[in-house]
Amino acid sequence: AYFFENMTKRVGDLPMTEALLGLENQTPKYNTQKEVYLQVL
């Protein structure tokens, strides 16, 4: 929650759901900023 919230308030939308998968997915899609905040909560 802390690090994703820090990132999203700097830039906006972010790779989140498909992030941190390593070699399984090296081009993760972006989640909307609203989706990031819902997940943070």
PDB file of all heavy atoms in Angstrom:
ATOM      1  N   ALA A   1       0.833  -1.206   0.000  1.00  0.00           N
ATOM      2  CA  ALA A   1       0.000   0.000   0.000  1.00  0.00           C
ATOM      3  C   ALA A   1       0.869   1.257   0.000  1.00  0.00           C
ATOM      4  O   ALA A   1       0.633   2.201  -0.770  1.00  0.00           O
ATOM      5  CB  ALA A   1      -0.928  -0.006   1.215  1.00  0.00           C
ATOM      6  N   TYR A   2       1.893   1.265   0.825  1.00  0.00           N
ATOM      7  CA  TYR A   2       2.734   2.450   0.988  1.00  0.00           C
ATOM      8  C   TYR A   2       3.473   2.784  -0.311  1.00  0.00           C
ATOM      9  O   TYR A   2       3.460   3.941  -0.765  1.00  0.00           O
ATOM     10  CB  TYR A   2       3.735   2.218   2.122  1.00  0.00           C
ATOM     11  CG  TYR A   2       4.661   3.373   2.376  1.00  0.00           C
ATOM     12  CD1 TYR A   2       4.282   4.412   3.213  1.00  0.00           C
ATOM     13  CD2 TYR A   2       5.916   3.434   1.774  1.00  0.00           C
ATOM     14  CE1 TYR A   2       5.136   5.492   3.446  1.00  0.00           C
ATOM     15  CE2 TYR A   2       6.769   4.499   1.997  1.00  0.00           C
ATOM     16  CZ  TYR A   2       6.376   5.526   2.837  1.00  0.00           C
ATOM     17  OH  TYR A   2       7.211   6.589   3.046  1.00  0.00           O
ATOM     18  N   PHE A   3       4.110   1.791  -0.902  1.00  0.00           N
ATOM     19  CA  PHE A   3       4.944   2.076  -2.076  1.00  0.00           C
ATOM     20  C   PHE A   3       4.110   2.301  -3.336  1.00  0.00           C
ATOM     21  O   PHE A   3       4.456   3.150  -4.161  1.00  0.00           O
ATOM     22  CB  PHE A   3       5.974   0.969  -2.275  1.00  0.00           C
ATOM     23  CG  PHE A   3       7.056   0.964  -1.231  1.00  0.00           C
ATOM     24  CD1 PHE A   3       7.130  -0.036  -0.274  1.00  0.00           C
ATOM     25  CD2 PHE A   3       7.995   1.984  -1.183  1.00  0.00           C
ATOM     26  CE1 PHE A   3       8.123  -0.033   0.699  1.00  0.00           C
ATOM     27  CE2 PHE A   3       8.991   2.006  -0.210  1.00  0.00           C
ATOM     28  CZ  PHE A   3       9.053   1.000   0.732  1.00  0.00           C
ATOM     29  N   PHE A   4       3.016   1.574  -3.503  1.00  0.00           N
ATOM     30  CA  PHE A   4       2.172   1.833  -4.672  1.00  0.00           C
ATOM     31  C   PHE A   4       1.503   3.197  -4.563  1.00  0.00           C
ATOM     32  O   PHE A   4       1.369   3.912  -5.558  1.00  0.00           O
ATOM     33  CB  PHE A   4       1.122   0.725  -4.839  1.00  0.00           C
ATOM     34  CG  PHE A   4       1.597  -0.427  -5.679  1.00  0.00           C
ATOM     35  CD1 PHE A   4       1.948  -1.633  -5.103  1.00  0.00           C
ATOM     36  CD2 PHE A   4       1.700  -0.305  -7.061  1.00  0.00           C
ATOM     37  CE1 PHE A   4       2.401  -2.700  -5.883  1.00  0.00           C
ATOM     38  CE2 PHE A   4       2.148  -1.356  -7.847  1.00  0.00           C
ATOM     39  CZ  PHE A   4       2.501  -2.553  -7.253  1.00  0.00           C
ATOM     40  N   GLU A   5       1.082   3.588  -3.368  1.00  0.00           N
ATOM     41  CA  GLU A   5       0.470   4.898  -3.214  1.00  0.00           C
ATOM     42  C   GLU A   5       1.491   5.993  -3.464  1.00  0.00           C
ATOM     43  O   GLU A   5       1.178   7.019  -4.085  1.00  0.00           O
ATOM     44  CB  GLU A   5      -0.126   5.023  -1.802  1.00  0.00           C
ATOM     45  CG  GLU A   5      -1.156   6.142  -1.668  1.00  0.00           C
ATOM     46  CD  GLU A   5      -0.618   7.410  -1.053  1.00  0.00           C
ATOM     47  OE1 GLU A   5       0.500   7.360  -0.492  1.00  0.00           O
ATOM     48  OE2 GLU A   5      -1.290   8.453  -1.134  1.00  0.00           O
ATOM     49  N   ASN A   6       2.720   5.785  -3.011  1.00  0.00           N
ATOM     50  CA  ASN A   6       3.770   6.766  -3.280  1.00  0.00           C
ATOM     51  C   ASN A   6       4.001   6.933  -4.780  1.00  0.00           C
ATOM     52  O   ASN A   6       4.181   8.055  -5.266  1.00  0.00           O
ATOM     53  CB  ASN A   6       5.073   6.333  -2.607  1.00  0.00           C
ATOM     54  CG  ASN A   6       6.235   7.246  -2.965  1.00  0.00           C
ATOM     55  OD1 ASN A   6       6.308   8.387  -2.538  1.00  0.00           O
ATOM     56  ND2 ASN A   6       7.151   6.739  -3.789  1.00  0.00           N
ATOM     57  N   MET A   7       3.989   5.834  -5.501  1.00  0.00           N
ATOM     58  CA  MET A   7       4.238   5.917  -6.944  1.00  0.00           C
ATOM     59  C   MET A   7       3.073   6.565  -7.688  1.00  0.00           C
ATOM     60  O   MET A   7       3.290   7.424  -8.554  1.00  0.00           O
ATOM     61  CB  MET A   7       4.514   4.520  -7.502  1.00  0.00           C
ATOM     62  CG  MET A   7       5.809   3.905  -7.039  1.00  0.00           C
ATOM     63  SD  MET A   7       6.245   2.374  -7.927  1.00  0.00           S
ATOM     64  CE  MET A   7       4.957   1.255  -7.382  1.00  0.00           C
ATOM     65  N   THR A   8       1.848   6.163  -7.363  1.00  0.00           N
ATOM     66  CA  THR A   8       0.715   6.651  -8.150  1.00  0.00           C
ATOM     67  C   THR A   8       0.499   8.148  -7.963  1.00  0.00           C
ATOM     68  O   THR A   8       0.104   8.843  -8.897  1.00  0.00           O
ATOM     69  CB  THR A   8      -0.564   5.872  -7.814  1.00  0.00           C
ATOM     70  OG1 THR A   8      -1.572   6.184  -8.787  1.00  0.00           O
ATOM     71  CG2 THR A   8      -1.121   6.203  -6.440  1.00  0.00           C
ATOM     72  N   LYS A   9       0.786   8.681  -6.777  1.00  0.00           N
ATOM     73  CA  LYS A   9       0.561  10.118  -6.606  1.00  0.00           C
ATOM     74  C   LYS A   9       1.662  10.948  -7.252  1.00  0.00           C
ATOM     75  O   LYS A   9       1.542  12.171  -7.356  1.00  0.00           O
ATOM     76  CB  LYS A   9       0.394  10.470  -5.130  1.00  0.00           C
ATOM     77  CG  LYS A   9       1.578  10.236  -4.235  1.00  0.00           C
ATOM     78  CD  LYS A   9       1.148  10.429  -2.776  1.00  0.00           C
ATOM     79  CE  LYS A   9       2.300  10.153  -1.819  1.00  0.00           C
ATOM     80  NZ  LYS A   9       1.839  10.190  -0.411  1.00  0.00           N
ATOM     81  N   ARG A  10       2.706  10.279  -7.727  1.00  0.00           N
ATOM     82  CA  ARG A  10       3.743  10.974  -8.481  1.00  0.00           C
ATOM     83  C   ARG A  10       3.445  11.009  -9.977  1.00  0.00           C
ATOM     84  O   ARG A  10       3.723  12.015 -10.640  1.00  0.00           O
ATOM     85  CB  ARG A  10       5.103  10.300  -8.257  1.00  0.00           C
ATOM     86  CG  ARG A  10       5.610  10.366  -6.837  1.00  0.00           C
ATOM     87  CD  ARG A  10       6.918   9.629  -6.651  1.00  0.00           C
ATOM     88  NE  ARG A  10       8.050  10.414  -7.096  1.00  0.00           N
ATOM     89  CZ  ARG A  10       8.767  11.230  -6.339  1.00  0.00           C
ATOM     90  NH1 ARG A  10       8.458  11.384  -5.066  1.00  0.00           N
ATOM     91  NH2 ARG A  10       9.788  11.900  -6.827  1.00  0.00           N
ATOM     92  N   VAL A  11       2.884   9.914 -10.521  1.00  0.00           N
ATOM     93  CA  VAL A  11       2.748   9.834 -11.979  1.00  0.00           C
ATOM     94  C   VAL A  11       1.329   9.600 -12.480  1.00  0.00           C
ATOM     95  O   VAL A  11       0.983  10.007 -13.578  1.00  0.00           O
ATOM     96  CB  VAL A  11       3.663   8.727 -12.551  1.00  0.00           C
ATOM     97  CG1 VAL A  11       5.128   9.065 -12.327  1.00  0.00           C
ATOM     98  CG2 VAL A  11       3.323   7.358 -11.959  1.00  0.00           C
ATOM     99  N   GLY A  12       0.489   8.902 -11.694  1.00  0.00           N
ATOM    100  CA  GLY A  12      -0.848   8.561 -12.162  1.00  0.00           C
ATOM    101  C   GLY A  12      -1.048   7.058 -12.246  1.00  0.00           C
ATOM    102  O   GLY A  12      -0.726   6.324 -11.305  1.00  0.00           O
ATOM    103  N   ASP A  13      -1.582   6.570 -13.376  1.00  0.00           N
ATOM    104  CA  ASP A  13      -1.808   5.134 -13.567  1.00  0.00           C
ATOM    105  C   ASP A  13      -0.490   4.370 -13.470  1.00  0.00           C
ATOM    106  O   ASP A  13       0.588   4.905 -13.790  1.00  0.00           O
ATOM    107  CB  ASP A  13      -2.445   4.864 -14.933  1.00  0.00           C
ATOM    108  CG  ASP A  13      -3.841   5.456 -15.071  1.00  0.00           C
ATOM    109  OD1 ASP A  13      -4.341   6.033 -14.080  1.00  0.00           O
ATOM    110  OD2 ASP A  13      -4.422   5.347 -16.169  1.00  0.00           O
ATOM    111  N   LEU A  14      -0.583   3.101 -13.058  1.00  0.00           N
ATOM    112  CA  LEU A  14       0.621   2.296 -12.807  1.00  0.00           C
ATOM    113  C   LEU A  14       0.393   0.828 -13.156  1.00  0.00           C
ATOM    114  O   LEU A  14      -0.729   0.321 -13.007  1.00  0.00           O
ATOM    115  CB  LEU A  14       0.972   2.319 -11.317  1.00  0.00           C
ATOM    116  CG  LEU A  14       1.672   3.508 -10.698  1.00  0.00           C
ATOM    117  CD1 LEU A  14       1.703   3.303  -9.192  1.00  0.00           C
ATOM    118  CD2 LEU A  14       3.073   3.661 -11.241  1.00  0.00           C
ATOM    119  N   PRO A  15       1.439   0.100 -13.555  1.00  0.00           N
ATOM    120  CA  PRO A  15       1.347  -1.355 -13.558  1.00  0.00           C
ATOM    121  C   PRO A  15       1.223  -1.849 -12.105  1.00  0.00           C
ATOM    122  O   PRO A  15       2.058  -1.504 -11.264  1.00  0.00           O
ATOM    123  CB  PRO A  15       2.673  -1.812 -14.170  1.00  0.00           C
ATOM    124  CG  PRO A  15       3.183  -0.624 -14.924  1.00  0.00           C
ATOM    125  CD  PRO A  15       2.723   0.564 -14.128  1.00  0.00           C
ATOM    126  N   MET A  16       0.180  -2.611 -11.834  1.00  0.00           N
ATOM    127  CA  MET A  16      -0.006  -3.114 -10.473  1.00  0.00           C
ATOM    128  C   MET A  16      -0.397  -4.587 -10.495  1.00  0.00           C
ATOM    129  O   MET A  16       0.349  -5.446 -10.035  1.00  0.00           O
ATOM    130  CB  MET A  16      -1.059  -2.298  -9.723  1.00  0.00           C
ATOM    131  CG  MET A  16      -1.310  -2.761  -8.290  1.00  0.00           C
ATOM    132  SD  MET A  16      -2.672  -1.865  -7.488  1.00  0.00           S
ATOM    133  CE  MET A  16      -4.075  -2.419  -8.496  1.00  0.00           C
ATOM    134  N   THR A  17      -1.547  -4.897 -11.074  1.00  0.00           N
ATOM    135  CA  THR A  17      -2.045  -6.276 -11.077  1.00  0.00           C
ATOM    136  C   THR A  17      -1.062  -7.213 -11.759  1.00  0.00           C
ATOM    137  O   THR A  17      -0.829  -8.333 -11.292  1.00  0.00           O
ATOM    138  CB  THR A  17      -3.408  -6.354 -11.771  1.00  0.00           C
ATOM    139  OG1 THR A  17      -4.299  -5.422 -11.137  1.00  0.00           O
ATOM    140  CG2 THR A  17      -3.986  -7.755 -11.662  1.00  0.00           C
ATOM    141  N   GLU A  18      -0.468  -6.772 -12.858  1.00  0.00           N
ATOM    142  CA  GLU A  18       0.467  -7.612 -13.609  1.00  0.00           C
ATOM    143  C   GLU A  18       1.926  -7.319 -13.268  1.00  0.00           C
ATOM    144  O   GLU A  18       2.833  -7.886 -13.893  1.00  0.00           O
ATOM    145  CB  GLU A  18       0.245  -7.419 -15.119  1.00  0.00           C
ATOM    146  CG  GLU A  18      -1.133  -7.877 -15.592  1.00  0.00           C
ATOM    147  CD  GLU A  18      -1.298  -7.776 -17.104  1.00  0.00           C
ATOM    148  OE1 GLU A  18      -0.322  -7.403 -17.789  1.00  0.00           O
ATOM    149  OE2 GLU A  18      -2.402  -8.058 -17.591  1.00  0.00           O
ATOM    150  N   ALA A  19       2.161  -6.477 -12.278  1.00  0.00           N
ATOM    151  CA  ALA A  19       3.532  -6.158 -11.885  1.00  0.00           C
ATOM    152  C   ALA A  19       4.084  -7.229 -10.951  1.00  0.00           C
ATOM    153  O   ALA A  19       3.343  -8.055 -10.415  1.00  0.00           O
ATOM    154  CB  ALA A  19       3.574  -4.797 -11.205  1.00  0.00           C
ATOM    155  N   LEU A  20       5.376  -7.218 -10.769  1.00  0.00           N
ATOM    156  CA  LEU A  20       6.091  -8.092  -9.826  1.00  0.00           C
ATOM    157  C   LEU A  20       5.997  -9.569 -10.196  1.00  0.00           C
ATOM    158  O   LEU A  20       6.118 -10.440  -9.335  1.00  0.00           O
ATOM    159  CB  LEU A  20       5.561  -7.879  -8.394  1.00  0.00           C
ATOM    160  CG  LEU A  20       5.578  -6.440  -7.871  1.00  0.00           C
ATOM    161  CD1 LEU A  20       4.992  -6.368  -6.479  1.00  0.00           C
ATOM    162  CD2 LEU A  20       6.985  -5.866  -7.891  1.00  0.00           C
ATOM    163  N   LEU A  21       5.781  -9.860 -11.481  1.00  0.00           N
ATOM    164  CA  LEU A  21       5.709 -11.245 -11.933  1.00  0.00           C
ATOM    165  C   LEU A  21       7.006 -11.715 -12.567  1.00  0.00           C
ATOM    166  O   LEU A  21       7.088 -12.844 -13.062  1.00  0.00           O
ATOM    167  CB  LEU A  21       4.546 -11.413 -12.919  1.00  0.00           C
ATOM    168  CG  LEU A  21       3.146 -11.131 -12.362  1.00  0.00           C
ATOM    169  CD1 LEU A  21       2.098 -11.287 -13.461  1.00  0.00           C
ATOM    170  CD2 LEU A  21       2.833 -12.027 -11.179  1.00  0.00           C
ATOM    171  N   GLY A  22       8.007 -10.872 -12.596  1.00  0.00           N
ATOM    172  CA  GLY A  22       9.304 -11.260 -13.121  1.00  0.00           C
ATOM    173  C   GLY A  22       9.248 -11.618 -14.588  1.00  0.00           C
ATOM    174  O   GLY A  22       8.607 -10.931 -15.403  1.00  0.00           O
ATOM    175  N   LEU A  23       9.877 -12.726 -14.944  1.00  0.00           N
ATOM    176  CA  LEU A  23       9.948 -13.143 -16.342  1.00  0.00           C
ATOM    177  C   LEU A  23       8.603 -13.577 -16.893  1.00  0.00           C
ATOM    178  O   LEU A  23       8.429 -13.662 -18.113  1.00  0.00           O
ATOM    179  CB  LEU A  23      10.967 -14.281 -16.483  1.00  0.00           C
ATOM    180  CG  LEU A  23      12.420 -13.913 -16.177  1.00  0.00           C
ATOM    181  CD1 LEU A  23      13.305 -15.151 -16.262  1.00  0.00           C
ATOM    182  CD2 LEU A  23      12.929 -12.825 -17.112  1.00  0.00           C
ATOM    183  N   GLU A  24       7.652 -13.844 -16.015  1.00  0.00           N
ATOM    184  CA  GLU A  24       6.323 -14.246 -16.485  1.00  0.00           C
ATOM    185  C   GLU A  24       5.639 -13.138 -17.268  1.00  0.00           C
ATOM    186  O   GLU A  24       4.836 -13.405 -18.155  1.00  0.00           O
ATOM    187  CB  GLU A  24       5.439 -14.646 -15.297  1.00  0.00           C
ATOM    188  CG  GLU A  24       5.865 -15.912 -14.596  1.00  0.00           C
ATOM    189  CD  GLU A  24       4.934 -16.254 -13.449  1.00  0.00           C
ATOM    190  OE1 GLU A  24       3.729 -15.942 -13.557  1.00  0.00           O
ATOM    191  OE2 GLU A  24       5.405 -16.808 -12.448  1.00  0.00           O
ATOM    192  N   ASN A  25       5.930 -11.900 -16.906  1.00  0.00           N
ATOM    193  CA  ASN A  25       5.308 -10.774 -17.611  1.00  0.00           C
ATOM    194  C   ASN A  25       6.223  -9.570 -17.507  1.00  0.00           C
ATOM    195  O   ASN A  25       6.260  -8.878 -16.487  1.00  0.00           O
ATOM    196  CB  ASN A  25       3.935 -10.447 -17.018  1.00  0.00           C
ATOM    197  CG  ASN A  25       3.180  -9.435 -17.863  1.00  0.00           C
ATOM    198  OD1 ASN A  25       3.744  -8.785 -18.736  1.00  0.00           O
ATOM    199  ND2 ASN A  25       1.882  -9.305 -17.622  1.00  0.00           N
ATOM    200  N   GLN A  26       6.965  -9.329 -18.590  1.00  0.00           N
ATOM    201  CA  GLN A  26       7.912  -8.213 -18.591  1.00  0.00           C
ATOM    202  C   GLN A  26       7.312  -6.927 -19.153  1.00  0.00           C
ATOM    203  O   GLN A  26       7.979  -5.884 -19.148  1.00  0.00           O
ATOM    204  CB  GLN A  26       9.154  -8.601 -19.398  1.00  0.00           C
ATOM    205  CG  GLN A  26       9.895  -9.790 -18.804  1.00  0.00           C
ATOM    206  CD  GLN A  26      11.161 -10.115 -19.568  1.00  0.00           C
ATOM    207  OE1 GLN A  26      12.072  -9.291 -19.681  1.00  0.00           O
ATOM    208  NE2 GLN A  26      11.237 -11.326 -20.125  1.00  0.00           N
ATOM    209  N   THR A  27       6.078  -6.986 -19.611  1.00  0.00           N
ATOM    210  CA  THR A  27       5.391  -5.791 -20.126  1.00  0.00           C
ATOM    211  C   THR A  27       4.011  -5.701 -19.496  1.00  0.00           C
ATOM    212  O   THR A  27       2.987  -5.894 -20.159  1.00  0.00           O
ATOM    213  CB  THR A  27       5.280  -5.834 -21.659  1.00  0.00           C
ATOM    214  OG1 THR A  27       4.621  -7.061 -22.047  1.00  0.00           O
ATOM    215  CG2 THR A  27       6.649  -5.751 -22.304  1.00  0.00           C
ATOM    216  N   PRO A  28       3.953  -5.399 -18.204  1.00  0.00           N
ATOM    217  CA  PRO A  28       2.658  -5.388 -17.509  1.00  0.00           C
ATOM    218  C   PRO A  28       1.763  -4.227 -17.952  1.00  0.00           C
ATOM    219  O   PRO A  28       2.240  -3.111 -18.192  1.00  0.00           O
ATOM    220  CB  PRO A  28       3.057  -5.235 -16.045  1.00  0.00           C
ATOM    221  CG  PRO A  28       4.387  -4.568 -16.089  1.00  0.00           C
ATOM    222  CD  PRO A  28       5.072  -5.082 -17.314  1.00  0.00           C
ATOM    223  N   LYS A  29       0.470  -4.515 -18.021  1.00  0.00           N
ATOM    224  CA  LYS A  29      -0.501  -3.473 -18.331  1.00  0.00           C
ATOM    225  C   LYS A  29      -0.669  -2.542 -17.136  1.00  0.00           C
ATOM    226  O   LYS A  29      -0.393  -2.912 -15.998  1.00  0.00           O
ATOM    227  CB  LYS A  29      -1.841  -4.103 -18.699  1.00  0.00           C
ATOM    228  CG  LYS A  29      -1.823  -4.867 -20.010  1.00  0.00           C
ATOM    229  CD  LYS A  29      -3.196  -5.453 -20.320  1.00  0.00           C
ATOM    230  CE  LYS A  29      -3.173  -6.237 -21.635  1.00  0.00           C
ATOM    231  NZ  LYS A  29      -4.470  -6.867 -21.940  1.00  0.00           N
ATOM    232  N   TYR A  30      -1.145  -1.347 -17.409  1.00  0.00           N
ATOM    233  CA  TYR A  30      -1.339  -0.346 -16.364  1.00  0.00           C
ATOM    234  C   TYR A  30      -2.733  -0.480 -15.745  1.00  0.00           C
ATOM    235  O   TYR A  30      -3.715  -0.724 -16.448  1.00  0.00           O
ATOM    236  CB  TYR A  30      -1.189   1.066 -16.935  1.00  0.00           C
ATOM    237  CG  TYR A  30       0.231   1.522 -17.145  1.00  0.00           C
ATOM    238  CD1 TYR A  30       1.131   0.776 -17.909  1.00  0.00           C
ATOM    239  CD2 TYR A  30       0.691   2.701 -16.578  1.00  0.00           C
ATOM    240  CE1 TYR A  30       2.432   1.195 -18.111  1.00  0.00           C
ATOM    241  CE2 TYR A  30       1.999   3.145 -16.773  1.00  0.00           C
ATOM    242  CZ  TYR A  30       2.857   2.376 -17.541  1.00  0.00           C
ATOM    243  OH  TYR A  30       4.155   2.804 -17.726  1.00  0.00           O
ATOM    244  N   ASN A  31      -2.792  -0.305 -14.439  1.00  0.00           N
ATOM    245  CA  ASN A  31      -4.071  -0.121 -13.758  1.00  0.00           C
ATOM    246  C   ASN A  31      -4.360   1.364 -13.666  1.00  0.00           C
ATOM    247  O   ASN A  31      -3.449   2.184 -13.578  1.00  0.00           O
ATOM    248  CB  ASN A  31      -4.023  -0.706 -12.347  1.00  0.00           C
ATOM    249  CG  ASN A  31      -3.983  -2.219 -12.346  1.00  0.00           C
ATOM    250  OD1 ASN A  31      -2.916  -2.825 -12.441  1.00  0.00           O
ATOM    251  ND2 ASN A  31      -5.142  -2.846 -12.246  1.00  0.00           N
ATOM    252  N   THR A  32      -5.628   1.718 -13.646  1.00  0.00           N
ATOM    253  CA  THR A  32      -5.981   3.129 -13.469  1.00  0.00           C
ATOM    254  C   THR A  32      -5.634   3.565 -12.052  1.00  0.00           C
ATOM    255  O   THR A  32      -5.508   2.748 -11.130  1.00  0.00           O
ATOM    256  CB  THR A  32      -7.482   3.362 -13.700  1.00  0.00           C
ATOM    257  OG1 THR A  32      -8.224   2.688 -12.670  1.00  0.00           O
ATOM    258  CG2 THR A  32      -7.920   2.855 -15.071  1.00  0.00           C
ATOM    259  N   GLN A  33      -5.500   4.856 -11.878  1.00  0.00           N
ATOM    260  CA  GLN A  33      -5.177   5.364 -10.548  1.00  0.00           C
ATOM    261  C   GLN A  33      -6.279   5.027  -9.547  1.00  0.00           C
ATOM    262  O   GLN A  33      -5.992   4.710  -8.386  1.00  0.00           O
ATOM    263  CB  GLN A  33      -4.961   6.887 -10.608  1.00  0.00           C
ATOM    264  CG  GLN A  33      -4.387   7.453  -9.322  1.00  0.00           C
ATOM    265  CD  GLN A  33      -3.932   8.881  -9.462  1.00  0.00           C
ATOM    266  OE1 GLN A  33      -4.665   9.734  -9.976  1.00  0.00           O
ATOM    267  NE2 GLN A  33      -2.717   9.187  -9.005  1.00  0.00           N
ATOM    268  N   LYS A  34      -7.502   5.052  -9.988  1.00  0.00           N
ATOM    269  CA  LYS A  34      -8.598   4.678  -9.100  1.00  0.00           C
ATOM    270  C   LYS A  34      -8.455   3.229  -8.656  1.00  0.00           C
ATOM    271  O   LYS A  34      -8.640   2.907  -7.466  1.00  0.00           O
ATOM    272  CB  LYS A  34      -9.948   4.892  -9.792  1.00  0.00           C
ATOM    273  CG  LYS A  34     -11.141   4.464  -8.940  1.00  0.00           C
ATOM    274  CD  LYS A  34     -12.462   4.741  -9.652  1.00  0.00           C
ATOM    275  CE  LYS A  34     -13.637   4.224  -8.835  1.00  0.00           C
ATOM    276  NZ  LYS A  34     -14.950   4.542  -9.468  1.00  0.00           N
ATOM    277  N   GLU A  35      -8.124   2.342  -9.576  1.00  0.00           N
ATOM    278  CA  GLU A  35      -7.932   0.941  -9.218  1.00  0.00           C
ATOM    279  C   GLU A  35      -6.790   0.777  -8.223  1.00  0.00           C
ATOM    280  O   GLU A  35      -6.873  -0.046  -7.293  1.00  0.00           O
ATOM    281  CB  GLU A  35      -7.657   0.112 -10.478  1.00  0.00           C
ATOM    282  CG  GLU A  35      -8.856  -0.052 -11.384  1.00  0.00           C
ATOM    283  CD  GLU A  35      -8.498  -0.678 -12.732  1.00  0.00           C
ATOM    284  OE1 GLU A  35      -7.297  -0.653 -13.111  1.00  0.00           O
ATOM    285  OE2 GLU A  35      -9.414  -1.170 -13.406  1.00  0.00           O
ATOM    286  N   VAL A  36      -5.738   1.557  -8.402  1.00  0.00           N
ATOM    287  CA  VAL A  36      -4.611   1.494  -7.468  1.00  0.00           C
ATOM    288  C   VAL A  36      -5.067   1.902  -6.071  1.00  0.00           C
ATOM    289  O   VAL A  36      -4.761   1.221  -5.075  1.00  0.00           O
ATOM    290  CB  VAL A  36      -3.442   2.381  -7.943  1.00  0.00           C
ATOM    291  CG1 VAL A  36      -2.340   2.420  -6.879  1.00  0.00           C
ATOM    292  CG2 VAL A  36      -2.875   1.866  -9.264  1.00  0.00           C
ATOM    293  N   TYR A  37      -5.815   2.986  -5.979  1.00  0.00           N
ATOM    294  CA  TYR A  37      -6.258   3.444  -4.659  1.00  0.00           C
ATOM    295  C   TYR A  37      -7.229   2.458  -4.009  1.00  0.00           C
ATOM    296  O   TYR A  37      -7.179   2.240  -2.782  1.00  0.00           O
ATOM    297  CB  TYR A  37      -6.868   4.841  -4.748  1.00  0.00           C
ATOM    298  CG  TYR A  37      -5.831   5.925  -4.575  1.00  0.00           C
ATOM    299  CD1 TYR A  37      -5.321   6.612  -5.671  1.00  0.00           C
ATOM    300  CD2 TYR A  37      -5.317   6.230  -3.315  1.00  0.00           C
ATOM    301  CE1 TYR A  37      -4.348   7.588  -5.510  1.00  0.00           C
ATOM    302  CE2 TYR A  37      -4.347   7.206  -3.151  1.00  0.00           C
ATOM    303  CZ  TYR A  37      -3.865   7.885  -4.247  1.00  0.00           C
ATOM    304  OH  TYR A  37      -2.887   8.837  -4.085  1.00  0.00           O
ATOM    305  N   LEU A  38      -8.089   1.862  -4.786  1.00  0.00           N
ATOM    306  CA  LEU A  38      -8.986   0.846  -4.223  1.00  0.00           C
ATOM    307  C   LEU A  38      -8.185  -0.324  -3.660  1.00  0.00           C
ATOM    308  O   LEU A  38      -8.489  -0.842  -2.577  1.00  0.00           O
ATOM    309  CB  LEU A  38      -9.975   0.364  -5.285  1.00  0.00           C
ATOM    310  CG  LEU A  38     -11.119   1.324  -5.623  1.00  0.00           C
ATOM    311  CD1 LEU A  38     -11.844   0.861  -6.888  1.00  0.00           C
ATOM    312  CD2 LEU A  38     -12.094   1.419  -4.452  1.00  0.00           C
ATOM    313  N   GLN A  39      -7.154  -0.733  -4.378  1.00  0.00           N
ATOM    314  CA  GLN A  39      -6.326  -1.840  -3.896  1.00  0.00           C
ATOM    315  C   GLN A  39      -5.503  -1.433  -2.681  1.00  0.00           C
ATOM    316  O   GLN A  39      -5.314  -2.230  -1.753  1.00  0.00           O
ATOM    317  CB  GLN A  39      -5.415  -2.330  -5.017  1.00  0.00           C
ATOM    318  CG  GLN A  39      -4.556  -3.531  -4.645  1.00  0.00           C
ATOM    319  CD  GLN A  39      -5.377  -4.730  -4.224  1.00  0.00           C
ATOM    320  OE1 GLN A  39      -6.212  -5.205  -4.981  1.00  0.00           O
ATOM    321  NE2 GLN A  39      -5.166  -5.211  -3.010  1.00  0.00           N
ATOM    322  N   VAL A  40      -5.013  -0.205  -2.664  1.00  0.00           N
ATOM    323  CA  VAL A  40      -4.273   0.295  -1.504  1.00  0.00           C
ATOM    324  C   VAL A  40      -5.138   0.195  -0.242  1.00  0.00           C
ATOM    325  O   VAL A  40      -4.689  -0.278   0.811  1.00  0.00           O
ATOM    326  CB  VAL A  40      -3.813   1.752  -1.742  1.00  0.00           C
ATOM    327  CG1 VAL A  40      -3.418   2.433  -0.431  1.00  0.00           C
ATOM    328  CG2 VAL A  40      -2.648   1.780  -2.717  1.00  0.00           C
ATOM    329  N   LEU A  41      -6.383   0.624  -0.351  1.00  0.00           N
ATOM    330  CA  LEU A  41      -7.278   0.560   0.807  1.00  0.00           C
ATOM    331  C   LEU A  41      -7.566  -0.879   1.207  1.00  0.00           C
ATOM    332  O   LEU A  41      -7.673  -1.199   2.403  1.00  0.00           O
ATOM    333  CB  LEU A  41      -8.581   1.313   0.484  1.00  0.00           C
ATOM    334  CG  LEU A  41      -8.419   2.832   0.318  1.00  0.00           C
ATOM    335  CD1 LEU A  41      -9.682   3.454  -0.255  1.00  0.00           C
ATOM    336  CD2 LEU A  41      -8.072   3.489   1.658  1.00  0.00           C
TER     337      LEU A  41
END
